[in-house]
Amino acid sequence: MLRLLKYSLVGFVFSVSVGSAQQTSQFTNYIFNYYSINPAASGAQKCMNFKVGYRSQWTGFEGRPETSFANFYMPLKLRRRSASKAKHIVGGYVDKEWIGPFGSTRLCLSYAYHMQLTRSLRASAGLFAGVKQFRVNATRMSVNDYGDPLLPSSGNVLLIPDITPGIMLYQKNWFAGMSIRQMIPMTYEIVGTTESKLTSHFELVGYRRIEYSKKWSWSVSGMLKWAASAAPALDFNVMVEHHKGVEFGLGYRNVDAIAALVKFRILRYYTIGYAFDYTTSALQHAGSNTHEIVLGINTCGARDPRDRMACPAFD
């Protein structure tokens, strides 16, 4: 019985991953949390930036995906200033994800280089480099056969390298970026499973902000995700922002959800983003909806007026 359940779960995880072109963490608030996807996004602001977050997908579904993460980045202050006004950014990222009895942890360091192309246009390139750890916890399964050899193997881990490069082009009110997560495809086998394959995931993101009064602005963004042998997935968000620090809007994911999003600043240094996904796929009959929350801390405070190149999407 345990083996049957085990292989059913593996099949379910595989079908979800391939069907939605995702073996990587998914975020509805992908603009506010863009550094988690693209290392080139670090350094769009001059100051140190922290983010922590949690996502619970398909609440009420047993074995649902759960993701928690933390990241930071900061500029390097070099004594020698470049004529091109280049910036060097370093950072770190860690996330932890469970899908049923299967877990993974990713730990990466990042570096990004920003250069000014024209008076109002910048480009950046970045790289995440680290490791990804896979493990299995059989205690998360319903057990009928306590003699199954999988049980004493619970907790076994496998480490593989993880490389994610990214590029970005941006001005004050727009940006476009592309990243390749899991750039190095490889196969692996963890105890209790058959051989699995990690594939590269390509993600193209665009953002545009338009001010239509002294107090209000609106923005549109889209993210196209695709991987080998999987149908592309498209996320599209529209947000309305009040300049006192409140932003709200709607999102759509062609694979499985529509979403409501809100983001607001607290005091000077803190920003909270929340997203609620209403499941539209067949999974709505087995589980409920998705909740995602992100807390950001920017040591510059709300939009440093000295940084004319800062993109408001990351505030």
Protein backbone atom coordinates (compact mmCIF):
# COMPACT_ATOMS: atom_id res chain seq x y z
CA MET A 1 0.00 0.00 0.00
CA LEU A 2 2.82 2.38 0.85
CA ARG A 3 4.51 1.70 -2.48
CA LEU A 4 1.23 2.36 -4.31
CA LEU A 5 0.73 5.64 -2.49
CA LYS A 6 4.35 6.55 -3.07
CA TYR A 7 4.20 6.09 -6.82
CA SER A 8 0.84 7.85 -7.00
CA LEU A 9 2.36 10.88 -5.31
CA VAL A 10 5.37 10.82 -7.61
CA GLY A 11 3.03 10.66 -10.60
CA PHE A 12 0.99 13.55 -9.23
CA VAL A 13 4.05 15.74 -8.65
CA PHE A 14 5.36 14.90 -12.11
CA SER A 15 2.04 15.68 -13.80
CA VAL A 16 1.75 19.02 -12.00
CA SER A 17 5.34 19.94 -12.84
CA VAL A 18 5.16 19.04 -16.51
CA GLY A 19 1.59 20.18 -17.09
CA SER A 20 2.32 23.68 -15.82
CA ALA A 21 5.93 23.82 -17.04
CA GLN A 22 7.08 24.14 -13.42
CA GLN A 23 9.66 22.26 -11.39
CA THR A 24 10.61 25.51 -9.68
CA SER A 25 8.95 27.74 -7.10
CA GLN A 26 6.01 29.73 -8.43
CA PHE A 27 4.98 33.21 -7.23
CA THR A 28 1.94 35.33 -8.03
CA ASN A 29 3.67 38.47 -6.70
CA TYR A 30 6.52 37.91 -9.16
CA ILE A 31 7.17 41.65 -9.73
CA PHE A 32 7.55 42.53 -6.05
CA ASN A 33 9.68 39.38 -5.63
CA TYR A 34 11.48 39.42 -8.99
CA TYR A 35 14.95 38.85 -7.50
CA SER A 36 13.82 35.33 -6.54
CA ILE A 37 13.45 34.61 -10.25
CA ASN A 38 16.15 36.74 -11.86
CA PRO A 39 19.46 37.63 -10.12
CA ALA A 40 19.91 40.60 -12.49
CA ALA A 41 17.03 42.31 -10.65
CA SER A 42 19.24 42.86 -7.60
CA GLY A 43 20.56 46.41 -7.41
CA ALA A 44 17.70 48.26 -9.09
CA GLN A 45 17.79 50.25 -5.83
CA LYS A 46 20.88 51.71 -4.17
CA CYS A 47 20.37 50.18 -0.73
CA MET A 48 20.35 46.84 1.01
CA ASN A 49 17.11 44.97 0.40
CA PHE A 50 15.61 42.04 2.34
CA LYS A 51 12.58 39.89 1.56
CA VAL A 52 10.95 36.94 3.30
CA GLY A 53 7.83 35.15 2.19
CA TYR A 54 5.57 32.13 2.34
CA ARG A 55 3.23 30.53 -0.20
CA SER A 56 0.64 27.83 0.54
CA GLN A 57 -0.81 26.42 -2.66
CA TRP A 58 -4.20 24.68 -2.91
CA THR A 59 -5.06 25.07 0.78
CA GLY A 60 -6.91 22.04 2.11
CA PHE A 61 -5.30 19.61 -0.34
CA GLU A 62 -3.26 16.99 1.51
CA GLY A 63 0.37 17.12 0.39
CA ARG A 64 -0.07 20.58 -1.17
CA PRO A 65 3.02 22.57 -2.27
CA GLU A 66 4.34 24.90 0.44
CA THR A 67 7.19 27.32 -0.16
CA SER A 68 9.07 29.62 2.22
CA PHE A 69 12.01 31.81 1.29
CA ALA A 70 14.35 34.60 2.37
CA ASN A 71 16.74 36.71 0.33
CA PHE A 72 18.84 39.85 0.46
CA TYR A 73 21.12 41.89 -1.76
CA MET A 74 23.34 44.93 -1.31
CA PRO A 75 25.64 47.08 -3.46
CA LEU A 76 29.39 46.87 -3.11
CA LYS A 77 30.89 50.26 -2.36
CA LEU A 78 34.13 50.39 -4.32
CA ARG A 79 36.67 53.15 -3.76
CA ARG A 80 37.33 53.47 -7.46
CA ARG A 81 34.30 54.83 -9.31
CA SER A 82 33.75 53.80 -12.91
CA ALA A 83 33.13 56.37 -15.64
CA SER A 84 30.22 54.20 -16.83
CA LYS A 85 28.59 54.45 -13.35
CA ALA A 86 28.66 50.67 -13.08
CA LYS A 87 27.27 48.97 -9.97
CA HIS A 88 28.30 45.64 -8.42
CA ILE A 89 25.65 43.83 -6.37
CA VAL A 90 26.01 40.75 -4.16
CA GLY A 91 23.28 38.80 -2.44
CA GLY A 92 21.95 35.49 -1.22
CA TYR A 93 18.80 33.43 -1.56
CA VAL A 94 17.39 30.41 0.27
CA ASP A 95 14.06 28.66 -0.16
CA LYS A 96 12.43 25.52 1.17
CA GLU A 97 9.61 23.63 -0.52
CA TRP A 98 7.51 20.58 0.37
CA ILE A 99 5.20 18.68 -1.97
CA GLY A 100 3.74 15.78 -0.03
CA PRO A 101 6.62 13.73 1.42
CA PHE A 102 9.17 15.24 -0.98
CA GLY A 103 11.15 18.31 0.01
CA SER A 104 13.83 20.52 -1.48
CA THR A 105 16.03 23.35 -0.22
CA ARG A 106 17.93 25.74 -2.45
CA LEU A 107 20.82 27.89 -1.24
CA CYS A 108 22.45 30.33 -3.67
CA LEU A 109 24.74 33.33 -3.70
CA SER A 110 24.34 35.97 -6.39
CA TYR A 111 26.32 38.61 -8.21
CA ALA A 112 24.97 41.26 -10.60
CA TYR A 113 26.63 43.93 -12.69
CA HIS A 114 24.74 47.10 -13.72
CA MET A 115 25.92 49.52 -16.37
CA GLN A 116 24.42 52.73 -17.73
CA LEU A 117 23.77 52.61 -21.49
CA THR A 118 22.26 56.06 -21.95
CA ARG A 119 21.21 58.87 -19.64
CA SER A 120 17.97 57.08 -18.79
CA LEU A 121 18.63 53.43 -19.70
CA ARG A 122 20.50 50.75 -17.76
CA ALA A 123 21.31 47.08 -18.33
CA SER A 124 22.25 44.39 -15.83
CA ALA A 125 23.41 40.79 -15.86
CA GLY A 126 23.40 38.49 -12.85
CA LEU A 127 24.04 34.93 -11.73
CA PHE A 128 22.75 32.66 -8.95
CA ALA A 129 25.20 29.87 -8.07
CA GLY A 130 24.58 27.33 -5.33
CA VAL A 131 23.18 23.91 -4.50
CA LYS A 132 19.79 22.27 -4.32
CA GLN A 133 19.04 19.57 -1.78
CA PHE A 134 16.34 16.92 -2.26
CA ARG A 135 14.98 14.72 0.51
CA VAL A 136 12.06 12.44 1.31
CA ASN A 137 10.09 12.20 4.57
CA ALA A 138 8.06 8.99 4.70
CA THR A 139 6.37 10.10 7.94
CA ARG A 140 4.28 12.42 5.78
CA MET A 141 2.67 9.33 4.19
CA SER A 142 -0.17 7.17 5.45
CA VAL A 143 1.54 3.89 6.33
CA ASN A 144 -0.04 0.43 6.27
CA ASP A 145 3.20 -1.54 5.91
CA TYR A 146 5.61 -0.51 8.66
CA GLY A 147 8.21 -2.86 7.25
CA ASP A 148 8.53 -0.96 4.00
CA PRO A 149 12.25 -0.23 3.36
CA LEU A 150 11.42 3.39 2.49
CA LEU A 151 10.73 4.26 6.15
CA PRO A 152 14.28 3.92 7.52
CA SER A 153 15.50 5.81 4.44
CA SER A 154 13.45 8.86 5.37
CA GLY A 155 15.65 11.91 5.53
CA ASN A 156 18.16 10.78 2.93
CA VAL A 157 19.32 13.75 0.88
CA LEU A 158 20.84 14.46 -2.50
CA LEU A 159 22.79 17.60 -3.39
CA ILE A 160 23.04 18.89 -6.94
CA PRO A 161 24.47 22.17 -8.32
CA ASP A 162 22.05 24.97 -9.19
CA ILE A 163 22.89 27.72 -11.68
CA THR A 164 20.53 30.54 -12.77
CA PRO A 165 21.72 33.37 -15.03
CA GLY A 166 19.63 36.43 -15.88
CA ILE A 167 19.68 39.71 -17.77
CA MET A 168 17.57 42.85 -17.47
CA LEU A 169 17.06 46.15 -19.29
CA TYR A 170 15.34 48.95 -17.37
CA GLN A 171 14.41 52.61 -17.03
CA LYS A 172 12.57 54.40 -14.24
CA ASN A 173 9.09 53.17 -15.21
CA TRP A 174 9.66 49.96 -17.15
CA PHE A 175 11.87 46.91 -17.34
CA ALA A 176 12.26 43.68 -19.28
CA GLY A 177 14.20 40.66 -18.10
CA MET A 178 14.94 37.04 -18.88
CA SER A 179 16.33 34.26 -16.69
CA ILE A 180 17.06 30.54 -17.05
CA ARG A 181 16.38 28.58 -13.88
CA GLN A 182 18.01 25.16 -13.49
CA MET A 183 20.31 26.04 -16.38
CA ILE A 184 22.18 22.72 -16.05
CA PRO A 185 19.76 19.86 -16.92
CA MET A 186 20.50 16.64 -15.06
CA THR A 187 18.95 13.42 -13.86
CA TYR A 188 18.90 12.22 -10.28
CA GLU A 189 17.43 9.44 -8.17
CA ILE A 190 16.41 9.89 -4.55
CA VAL A 191 15.43 6.98 -2.35
CA GLY A 192 11.88 5.79 -2.96
CA THR A 193 11.55 7.27 -6.44
CA THR A 194 12.43 6.36 -9.97
CA GLU A 195 14.94 8.43 -11.95
CA SER A 196 13.85 12.07 -12.31
CA LYS A 197 15.08 14.77 -14.65
CA LEU A 198 15.53 18.47 -13.99
CA THR A 199 14.97 20.63 -17.07
CA SER A 200 15.85 24.26 -17.76
CA HIS A 201 13.02 26.77 -17.24
CA PHE A 202 12.98 29.99 -19.25
CA GLU A 203 11.17 33.02 -17.85
CA LEU A 204 10.60 36.27 -19.71
CA VAL A 205 9.14 39.18 -17.70
CA GLY A 206 8.03 42.67 -18.73
CA TYR A 207 6.72 45.58 -16.64
CA ARG A 208 5.37 49.04 -17.47
CA ARG A 209 4.18 51.77 -15.08
CA ILE A 210 2.09 54.76 -16.20
CA GLU A 211 1.32 57.82 -14.08
CA TYR A 212 -2.02 59.42 -14.89
CA SER A 213 -2.29 61.93 -11.99
CA LYS A 214 -0.22 63.27 -9.11
CA LYS A 215 -1.68 60.67 -6.78
CA TRP A 216 -2.48 57.64 -8.94
CA SER A 217 -0.66 55.39 -11.38
CA TRP A 218 -1.23 51.96 -12.87
CA SER A 219 1.03 49.19 -14.08
CA VAL A 220 0.85 46.10 -16.23
CA SER A 221 3.20 43.13 -16.15
CA GLY A 222 3.49 39.75 -17.77
CA MET A 223 5.60 36.65 -17.31
CA LEU A 224 5.99 33.95 -19.95
CA LYS A 225 7.37 30.62 -18.66
CA TRP A 226 8.31 27.61 -20.71
CA ALA A 227 10.36 24.42 -20.52
CA ALA A 228 11.14 21.53 -22.85
CA SER A 229 8.20 19.20 -23.57
CA ALA A 230 5.72 21.40 -21.70
CA ALA A 231 3.09 23.93 -22.69
CA PRO A 232 4.02 27.60 -22.00
CA ALA A 233 2.41 29.30 -19.01
CA LEU A 234 1.50 33.00 -18.96
CA ASP A 235 0.98 35.23 -15.92
CA PHE A 236 -0.56 38.67 -16.42
CA ASN A 237 -1.09 41.27 -13.66
CA VAL A 238 -2.70 44.72 -13.67
CA MET A 239 -2.15 46.96 -10.62
CA VAL A 240 -3.42 50.39 -9.52
CA GLU A 241 -1.24 52.40 -7.13
CA HIS A 242 -1.91 55.33 -4.83
CA HIS A 243 1.25 57.31 -4.22
CA LYS A 244 0.83 57.13 -0.45
CA GLY A 245 1.91 53.52 -0.69
CA VAL A 246 -1.14 51.33 -1.43
CA GLU A 247 -1.30 49.16 -4.53
CA PHE A 248 -3.96 46.63 -5.55
CA GLY A 249 -4.94 44.71 -8.66
CA LEU A 250 -5.84 41.48 -10.42
CA GLY A 251 -3.83 38.66 -11.96
CA TYR A 252 -4.44 35.82 -14.39
CA ARG A 253 -2.51 32.59 -14.99
CA ASN A 254 -3.61 30.69 -18.08
CA VAL A 255 -2.76 27.34 -16.51
CA ASP A 256 -4.81 27.35 -13.33
CA ALA A 257 -5.77 30.58 -11.54
CA ILE A 258 -7.06 34.11 -11.29
CA ALA A 259 -5.70 36.25 -8.46
CA ALA A 260 -6.26 39.33 -6.30
CA LEU A 261 -3.15 41.22 -5.18
CA VAL A 262 -2.45 44.00 -2.71
CA LYS A 263 0.76 45.73 -1.63
CA PHE A 264 1.23 48.50 0.90
CA ARG A 265 4.02 50.28 2.75
CA ILE A 266 4.22 50.35 6.54
CA LEU A 267 6.15 53.23 8.06
CA ARG A 268 9.14 54.06 5.85
CA TYR A 269 11.13 50.88 5.36
CA TYR A 270 8.60 48.03 5.22
CA THR A 271 6.41 46.78 2.38
CA ILE A 272 3.94 43.89 2.54
CA GLY A 273 2.54 42.12 -0.51
CA TYR A 274 -0.30 39.59 -0.41
CA ALA A 275 -1.83 37.50 -3.20
CA PHE A 276 -4.90 35.27 -3.21
CA ASP A 277 -5.23 32.77 -6.07
CA TYR A 278 -8.60 31.31 -6.97
CA THR A 279 -7.99 27.91 -8.56
CA THR A 280 -9.67 27.48 -11.95
CA SER A 281 -8.22 24.10 -12.93
CA ALA A 282 -9.67 20.68 -12.05
CA LEU A 283 -7.68 20.79 -8.79
CA GLN A 284 -10.33 23.12 -7.35
CA HIS A 285 -12.40 20.01 -6.63
CA ALA A 286 -9.66 18.50 -4.43
CA GLY A 287 -8.21 21.57 -2.76
CA SER A 288 -9.04 25.16 -2.06
CA ASN A 289 -7.18 28.30 -3.07
CA THR A 290 -3.66 29.70 -2.68
CA HIS A 291 -2.28 32.30 -0.27
CA GLU A 292 1.04 34.11 -0.68
CA ILE A 293 2.62 36.80 1.51
CA VAL A 294 5.91 38.68 1.08
CA LEU A 295 7.53 41.15 3.50
CA GLY A 296 10.15 43.51 2.08
CA ILE A 297 12.60 45.73 3.97
CA ASN A 298 14.45 48.44 2.05
CA THR A 299 17.07 50.34 4.03
CA CYS A 300 16.73 53.37 1.74
CA GLY A 301 13.14 53.87 2.77
CA ALA A 302 10.33 54.67 0.35
CA ARG A 303 11.78 55.59 -3.04
CA ASP A 304 15.12 57.26 -2.41
CA PRO A 305 14.81 60.59 -4.32
CA ARG A 306 18.54 60.55 -5.08
CA ASP A 307 18.24 57.44 -7.23
CA ARG A 308 16.68 58.54 -10.50
CA MET A 309 17.25 55.11 -12.00
CA ALA A 310 15.37 53.16 -9.31
CA CYS A 311 12.47 51.19 -10.72
CA PRO A 312 9.27 51.66 -8.65
CA ALA A 313 8.27 48.04 -9.20
CA PHE A 314 10.74 46.93 -6.53
CA ASP A 315 9.69 49.45 -3.85
